[in-house]
N, C-alpha and C. Protein backbone atom coordinates (compact mmCIF):
# COMPACT_ATOMS: atom_id res chain seq x y z
N UNK A 1 -34.78 -175.24 -213.58
CA UNK A 1 -36.09 -175.39 -212.99
C UNK A 1 -36.95 -174.15 -213.21
N UNK A 2 -36.31 -173.01 -213.24
CA UNK A 2 -37.07 -171.78 -213.43
C UNK A 2 -37.73 -171.75 -214.81
N UNK A 3 -37.00 -172.20 -215.82
CA UNK A 3 -37.57 -172.23 -217.17
C UNK A 3 -38.74 -173.20 -217.23
N UNK A 4 -38.60 -174.34 -216.58
CA UNK A 4 -39.68 -175.32 -216.54
C UNK A 4 -40.91 -174.73 -215.85
N UNK A 5 -40.69 -173.97 -214.77
CA UNK A 5 -41.81 -173.34 -214.09
C UNK A 5 -42.57 -172.42 -215.04
N UNK A 6 -41.83 -171.59 -215.77
CA UNK A 6 -42.48 -170.63 -216.66
C UNK A 6 -43.22 -171.30 -217.80
N UNK A 7 -42.70 -172.41 -218.27
CA UNK A 7 -43.39 -173.15 -219.34
C UNK A 7 -44.71 -173.71 -218.81
N UNK A 8 -44.64 -174.40 -217.68
CA UNK A 8 -45.85 -175.02 -217.12
C UNK A 8 -46.83 -173.95 -216.62
N UNK A 9 -46.33 -172.94 -215.94
CA UNK A 9 -47.21 -171.87 -215.45
C UNK A 9 -47.83 -171.12 -216.62
N UNK A 10 -47.08 -170.95 -217.69
CA UNK A 10 -47.61 -170.29 -218.89
C UNK A 10 -48.74 -171.09 -219.51
N UNK A 11 -48.56 -172.40 -219.59
CA UNK A 11 -49.62 -173.26 -220.14
C UNK A 11 -50.87 -173.20 -219.27
N UNK A 12 -50.69 -173.30 -217.97
CA UNK A 12 -51.84 -173.18 -217.06
C UNK A 12 -52.49 -171.81 -217.19
N UNK A 13 -51.66 -170.77 -217.26
CA UNK A 13 -52.17 -169.42 -217.37
C UNK A 13 -53.02 -169.22 -218.61
N UNK A 14 -52.53 -169.71 -219.75
CA UNK A 14 -53.29 -169.58 -221.00
C UNK A 14 -54.63 -170.31 -220.89
N UNK A 15 -54.59 -171.54 -220.38
CA UNK A 15 -55.82 -172.31 -220.26
C UNK A 15 -56.83 -171.61 -219.34
N UNK A 16 -56.39 -171.23 -218.14
CA UNK A 16 -57.32 -170.66 -217.18
C UNK A 16 -57.77 -169.25 -217.55
N UNK A 17 -56.96 -168.50 -218.24
CA UNK A 17 -57.38 -167.19 -218.71
C UNK A 17 -58.49 -167.34 -219.74
N UNK A 18 -58.33 -168.31 -220.64
CA UNK A 18 -59.35 -168.58 -221.64
C UNK A 18 -60.63 -169.11 -221.00
N UNK A 19 -60.50 -170.16 -220.19
CA UNK A 19 -61.67 -170.78 -219.58
C UNK A 19 -62.37 -169.83 -218.61
N UNK A 20 -61.59 -169.14 -217.79
CA UNK A 20 -62.18 -168.20 -216.84
C UNK A 20 -62.85 -167.03 -217.54
N UNK A 21 -62.22 -166.54 -218.59
CA UNK A 21 -62.81 -165.44 -219.36
C UNK A 21 -64.14 -165.82 -219.97
N UNK A 22 -64.21 -167.03 -220.51
CA UNK A 22 -65.48 -167.51 -221.08
C UNK A 22 -66.56 -167.57 -220.00
N UNK A 23 -66.21 -168.08 -218.82
CA UNK A 23 -67.19 -168.20 -217.75
C UNK A 23 -67.68 -166.83 -217.27
N UNK A 24 -66.81 -165.85 -217.33
CA UNK A 24 -67.17 -164.51 -216.86
C UNK A 24 -68.06 -163.78 -217.85
N UNK A 25 -67.82 -163.92 -219.16
CA UNK A 25 -68.52 -163.08 -220.13
C UNK A 25 -69.62 -163.77 -220.93
N UNK A 26 -69.60 -165.09 -221.02
CA UNK A 26 -70.60 -165.75 -221.86
C UNK A 26 -71.83 -166.17 -221.06
N UNK A 27 -72.92 -166.31 -221.79
CA UNK A 27 -74.18 -166.72 -221.17
C UNK A 27 -74.18 -168.24 -220.93
N UNK A 28 -75.16 -168.68 -220.16
CA UNK A 28 -75.30 -170.11 -219.88
C UNK A 28 -75.50 -170.89 -221.18
N UNK A 29 -76.27 -170.34 -222.09
CA UNK A 29 -76.54 -171.00 -223.36
C UNK A 29 -75.27 -171.12 -224.21
N UNK A 30 -74.41 -170.13 -224.16
CA UNK A 30 -73.16 -170.18 -224.92
C UNK A 30 -72.17 -171.16 -224.28
N UNK A 31 -72.19 -171.27 -222.98
CA UNK A 31 -71.26 -172.15 -222.28
C UNK A 31 -71.68 -173.62 -222.32
N UNK A 32 -72.98 -173.87 -222.37
CA UNK A 32 -73.52 -175.23 -222.24
C UNK A 32 -72.93 -176.24 -223.22
N UNK A 33 -72.72 -175.92 -224.51
CA UNK A 33 -72.16 -176.94 -225.40
C UNK A 33 -70.74 -177.38 -225.00
N UNK A 34 -69.97 -176.48 -224.41
CA UNK A 34 -68.60 -176.81 -224.04
C UNK A 34 -68.50 -177.28 -222.59
N UNK A 35 -69.37 -176.76 -221.75
CA UNK A 35 -69.36 -177.05 -220.32
C UNK A 35 -70.77 -177.43 -219.89
N UNK A 36 -71.10 -178.69 -220.06
CA UNK A 36 -72.45 -179.15 -219.77
C UNK A 36 -72.88 -178.96 -218.33
N UNK A 37 -71.94 -178.86 -217.42
CA UNK A 37 -72.25 -178.74 -216.00
C UNK A 37 -72.86 -177.39 -215.64
N UNK A 38 -72.78 -176.40 -216.51
CA UNK A 38 -73.32 -175.08 -216.15
C UNK A 38 -74.83 -175.10 -215.98
N UNK A 39 -75.49 -176.12 -216.52
CA UNK A 39 -76.94 -176.23 -216.36
C UNK A 39 -77.34 -176.56 -214.92
N UNK A 40 -76.42 -177.17 -214.17
CA UNK A 40 -76.75 -177.59 -212.81
C UNK A 40 -76.19 -176.65 -211.74
N UNK A 41 -75.44 -175.65 -212.15
CA UNK A 41 -74.79 -174.72 -211.23
C UNK A 41 -75.39 -173.34 -211.44
N UNK A 42 -75.72 -172.60 -210.38
CA UNK A 42 -76.23 -171.24 -210.56
C UNK A 42 -75.21 -170.36 -211.30
N UNK A 43 -75.69 -169.53 -212.21
CA UNK A 43 -74.80 -168.72 -213.03
C UNK A 43 -73.89 -167.80 -212.21
N UNK A 44 -74.34 -167.21 -211.10
CA UNK A 44 -73.39 -166.41 -210.30
C UNK A 44 -72.20 -167.24 -209.81
N UNK A 45 -72.41 -168.51 -209.51
CA UNK A 45 -71.30 -169.37 -209.08
C UNK A 45 -70.36 -169.65 -210.26
N UNK A 46 -70.93 -169.86 -211.45
CA UNK A 46 -70.11 -170.06 -212.65
C UNK A 46 -69.24 -168.83 -212.89
N UNK A 47 -69.82 -167.65 -212.77
CA UNK A 47 -69.07 -166.40 -212.96
C UNK A 47 -67.98 -166.25 -211.89
N UNK A 48 -68.31 -166.64 -210.66
CA UNK A 48 -67.32 -166.57 -209.57
C UNK A 48 -66.16 -167.52 -209.84
N UNK A 49 -66.45 -168.70 -210.32
CA UNK A 49 -65.39 -169.66 -210.65
C UNK A 49 -64.50 -169.06 -211.74
N UNK A 50 -65.11 -168.45 -212.74
CA UNK A 50 -64.33 -167.81 -213.80
C UNK A 50 -63.44 -166.70 -213.28
N UNK A 51 -63.97 -165.89 -212.39
CA UNK A 51 -63.18 -164.80 -211.80
C UNK A 51 -62.04 -165.35 -210.96
N UNK A 52 -62.30 -166.40 -210.21
CA UNK A 52 -61.25 -167.04 -209.40
C UNK A 52 -60.15 -167.59 -210.30
N UNK A 53 -60.54 -168.17 -211.44
CA UNK A 53 -59.54 -168.68 -212.38
C UNK A 53 -58.66 -167.56 -212.92
N UNK A 54 -59.27 -166.44 -213.27
CA UNK A 54 -58.49 -165.30 -213.78
C UNK A 54 -57.56 -164.75 -212.70
N UNK A 55 -58.07 -164.61 -211.48
CA UNK A 55 -57.23 -164.14 -210.38
C UNK A 55 -56.11 -165.14 -210.07
N UNK A 56 -56.40 -166.42 -210.24
CA UNK A 56 -55.38 -167.45 -210.05
C UNK A 56 -54.23 -167.30 -211.04
N UNK A 57 -54.56 -166.93 -212.27
CA UNK A 57 -53.51 -166.70 -213.27
C UNK A 57 -52.62 -165.53 -212.84
N UNK A 58 -53.26 -164.48 -212.34
CA UNK A 58 -52.49 -163.32 -211.85
C UNK A 58 -51.56 -163.77 -210.72
N UNK A 59 -52.08 -164.60 -209.80
CA UNK A 59 -51.28 -165.08 -208.68
C UNK A 59 -50.18 -166.03 -209.09
N UNK A 60 -50.40 -166.73 -210.19
CA UNK A 60 -49.41 -167.68 -210.69
C UNK A 60 -48.24 -166.97 -211.38
N UNK A 61 -48.53 -165.85 -212.02
CA UNK A 61 -47.51 -165.19 -212.85
C UNK A 61 -46.91 -163.93 -212.23
N UNK A 62 -47.74 -163.08 -211.65
CA UNK A 62 -47.26 -161.77 -211.19
C UNK A 62 -46.27 -161.83 -210.03
N UNK A 63 -46.53 -162.57 -208.96
CA UNK A 63 -45.55 -162.59 -207.85
C UNK A 63 -44.15 -163.05 -208.26
N UNK A 64 -44.01 -164.14 -209.03
CA UNK A 64 -42.65 -164.51 -209.43
C UNK A 64 -42.00 -163.47 -210.37
N UNK A 65 -42.82 -162.84 -211.20
CA UNK A 65 -42.28 -161.82 -212.11
C UNK A 65 -41.75 -160.61 -211.35
N UNK A 66 -42.48 -160.19 -210.32
CA UNK A 66 -42.09 -158.99 -209.57
C UNK A 66 -41.17 -159.29 -208.40
N UNK A 67 -41.14 -160.54 -207.96
CA UNK A 67 -40.34 -160.89 -206.78
C UNK A 67 -41.02 -160.52 -205.48
N UNK A 68 -42.25 -160.02 -205.57
CA UNK A 68 -43.01 -159.64 -204.38
C UNK A 68 -43.93 -160.81 -203.99
N UNK A 69 -43.73 -161.33 -202.81
CA UNK A 69 -44.53 -162.45 -202.28
C UNK A 69 -44.61 -163.62 -203.26
N UNK A 70 -43.47 -164.14 -203.70
CA UNK A 70 -43.50 -165.24 -204.67
C UNK A 70 -44.19 -166.50 -204.16
N UNK A 71 -44.38 -166.63 -202.87
CA UNK A 71 -45.09 -167.77 -202.30
C UNK A 71 -46.55 -167.80 -202.76
N UNK A 72 -47.06 -166.65 -203.23
CA UNK A 72 -48.43 -166.62 -203.73
C UNK A 72 -48.60 -167.49 -204.97
N UNK A 73 -47.52 -167.71 -205.71
CA UNK A 73 -47.60 -168.59 -206.88
C UNK A 73 -47.90 -170.01 -206.44
N UNK A 74 -47.33 -170.43 -205.33
CA UNK A 74 -47.61 -171.77 -204.80
C UNK A 74 -49.07 -171.86 -204.37
N UNK A 75 -49.56 -170.82 -203.74
CA UNK A 75 -50.96 -170.79 -203.31
C UNK A 75 -51.89 -170.84 -204.52
N UNK A 76 -51.57 -170.08 -205.57
CA UNK A 76 -52.39 -170.09 -206.78
C UNK A 76 -52.39 -171.46 -207.43
N UNK A 77 -51.23 -172.09 -207.53
CA UNK A 77 -51.14 -173.42 -208.12
C UNK A 77 -51.91 -174.44 -207.28
N UNK A 78 -51.82 -174.31 -205.97
CA UNK A 78 -52.58 -175.20 -205.08
C UNK A 78 -54.08 -174.98 -205.26
N UNK A 79 -54.47 -173.73 -205.46
CA UNK A 79 -55.88 -173.43 -205.73
C UNK A 79 -56.36 -174.09 -207.01
N UNK A 80 -55.53 -174.06 -208.06
CA UNK A 80 -55.89 -174.73 -209.30
C UNK A 80 -55.97 -176.25 -209.11
N UNK A 81 -55.08 -176.78 -208.31
CA UNK A 81 -55.10 -178.21 -208.00
C UNK A 81 -56.43 -178.59 -207.34
N UNK A 82 -56.81 -177.85 -206.31
CA UNK A 82 -58.06 -178.12 -205.59
C UNK A 82 -59.26 -177.92 -206.52
N UNK A 83 -59.23 -176.87 -207.32
CA UNK A 83 -60.32 -176.60 -208.25
C UNK A 83 -60.54 -177.78 -209.19
N UNK A 84 -59.46 -178.36 -209.70
CA UNK A 84 -59.60 -179.47 -210.63
C UNK A 84 -59.99 -180.77 -209.93
N UNK A 85 -59.58 -180.95 -208.70
CA UNK A 85 -60.05 -182.12 -207.94
C UNK A 85 -61.56 -182.02 -207.76
N UNK A 86 -62.05 -180.83 -207.42
CA UNK A 86 -63.50 -180.64 -207.27
C UNK A 86 -64.22 -180.79 -208.60
N UNK A 87 -63.61 -180.29 -209.68
CA UNK A 87 -64.22 -180.43 -211.01
C UNK A 87 -64.31 -181.91 -211.41
N UNK A 88 -63.27 -182.66 -211.09
CA UNK A 88 -63.29 -184.09 -211.37
C UNK A 88 -64.41 -184.77 -210.59
N UNK A 89 -64.55 -184.41 -209.34
CA UNK A 89 -65.62 -184.98 -208.51
C UNK A 89 -66.99 -184.63 -209.09
N UNK A 90 -67.16 -183.41 -209.58
CA UNK A 90 -68.43 -183.01 -210.20
C UNK A 90 -68.71 -183.86 -211.43
N UNK A 91 -67.71 -184.03 -212.29
CA UNK A 91 -67.91 -184.86 -213.48
C UNK A 91 -68.25 -186.30 -213.12
N UNK A 92 -67.55 -186.83 -212.15
CA UNK A 92 -67.83 -188.21 -211.74
C UNK A 92 -69.22 -188.34 -211.15
N UNK A 93 -69.67 -187.33 -210.38
CA UNK A 93 -71.00 -187.39 -209.79
C UNK A 93 -72.09 -187.31 -210.85
N UNK A 94 -71.75 -186.74 -212.01
CA UNK A 94 -72.70 -186.64 -213.12
C UNK A 94 -72.57 -187.82 -214.08
N UNK A 95 -71.69 -188.77 -213.76
CA UNK A 95 -71.50 -189.93 -214.62
C UNK A 95 -70.70 -189.63 -215.88
N UNK A 96 -69.91 -188.57 -215.85
CA UNK A 96 -69.15 -188.14 -217.02
C UNK A 96 -67.68 -188.58 -216.91
N UNK A 97 -67.48 -189.87 -216.85
CA UNK A 97 -66.13 -190.42 -216.67
C UNK A 97 -65.24 -190.04 -217.85
N UNK A 98 -65.79 -190.02 -219.05
CA UNK A 98 -65.00 -189.68 -220.23
C UNK A 98 -64.56 -188.22 -220.25
N UNK A 99 -65.15 -187.40 -219.43
CA UNK A 99 -64.86 -185.97 -219.42
C UNK A 99 -63.70 -185.58 -218.50
N UNK A 100 -63.18 -186.52 -217.73
CA UNK A 100 -62.19 -186.13 -216.71
C UNK A 100 -60.75 -186.13 -217.21
N UNK A 101 -60.53 -186.48 -218.45
CA UNK A 101 -59.16 -186.51 -218.97
C UNK A 101 -58.45 -185.17 -218.84
N UNK A 102 -59.13 -184.10 -219.25
CA UNK A 102 -58.55 -182.77 -219.14
C UNK A 102 -58.32 -182.40 -217.68
N UNK A 103 -59.25 -182.77 -216.82
CA UNK A 103 -59.09 -182.48 -215.39
C UNK A 103 -57.85 -183.15 -214.82
N UNK A 104 -57.61 -184.39 -215.22
CA UNK A 104 -56.44 -185.12 -214.73
C UNK A 104 -55.16 -184.44 -215.22
N UNK A 105 -55.14 -184.02 -216.47
CA UNK A 105 -53.97 -183.31 -217.01
C UNK A 105 -53.73 -182.02 -216.23
N UNK A 106 -54.80 -181.29 -215.96
CA UNK A 106 -54.66 -180.02 -215.22
C UNK A 106 -54.24 -180.26 -213.77
N UNK A 107 -54.68 -181.34 -213.16
CA UNK A 107 -54.23 -181.69 -211.81
C UNK A 107 -52.73 -181.96 -211.82
N UNK A 108 -52.27 -182.71 -212.80
CA UNK A 108 -50.84 -183.02 -212.90
C UNK A 108 -50.04 -181.74 -213.13
N UNK A 109 -50.51 -180.88 -214.05
CA UNK A 109 -49.79 -179.63 -214.31
C UNK A 109 -49.76 -178.72 -213.08
N UNK A 110 -50.88 -178.65 -212.35
CA UNK A 110 -50.90 -177.82 -211.14
C UNK A 110 -49.95 -178.40 -210.09
N UNK A 111 -49.95 -179.71 -209.93
CA UNK A 111 -49.02 -180.34 -208.98
C UNK A 111 -47.57 -180.10 -209.37
N UNK A 112 -47.29 -180.19 -210.67
CA UNK A 112 -45.94 -179.92 -211.16
C UNK A 112 -45.55 -178.46 -210.91
N UNK A 113 -46.50 -177.57 -211.10
CA UNK A 113 -46.24 -176.15 -210.85
C UNK A 113 -45.93 -175.89 -209.38
N UNK A 114 -46.67 -176.54 -208.50
CA UNK A 114 -46.40 -176.40 -207.07
C UNK A 114 -44.98 -176.85 -206.76
N UNK A 115 -44.62 -178.01 -207.27
CA UNK A 115 -43.28 -178.54 -207.02
C UNK A 115 -42.20 -177.62 -207.62
N UNK A 116 -42.39 -177.18 -208.86
CA UNK A 116 -41.40 -176.30 -209.49
C UNK A 116 -41.26 -174.98 -208.76
N UNK A 117 -42.38 -174.45 -208.26
CA UNK A 117 -42.33 -173.17 -207.55
C UNK A 117 -41.60 -173.29 -206.22
N UNK A 118 -41.56 -174.48 -205.66
CA UNK A 118 -40.86 -174.65 -204.38
C UNK A 118 -39.38 -174.96 -204.57
N UNK A 119 -38.95 -175.25 -205.80
CA UNK A 119 -37.55 -175.61 -206.02
C UNK A 119 -36.64 -174.41 -206.30
N UNK A 120 -37.22 -173.28 -206.61
CA UNK A 120 -36.37 -172.11 -206.87
C UNK A 120 -36.86 -170.97 -206.10
């Protein structure tokens, strides 16, 4: 189970580090082709979401690696779960049903990470 956790947490970590990093450093114009929703959200909120995603990666990986407060990994995974549920709701409210496939995959991966983190 521990190996499975690291595989799934690693995949989530890579995705959120990339996506969060883009939200933190790129302009609205650079983000818009990939993330159409940034036009309707204030840029400080977009940057905050990106920062939360990066901090979530730290919470997902560092506590289990160090053995210090490993329960924080469960909290980080739960945060990603909630984030993607909200992202799915945003897409649905904008009529972007075709855009939620990635969100559903990320919800499943976050849920799997929560379960794996509680088994070891």
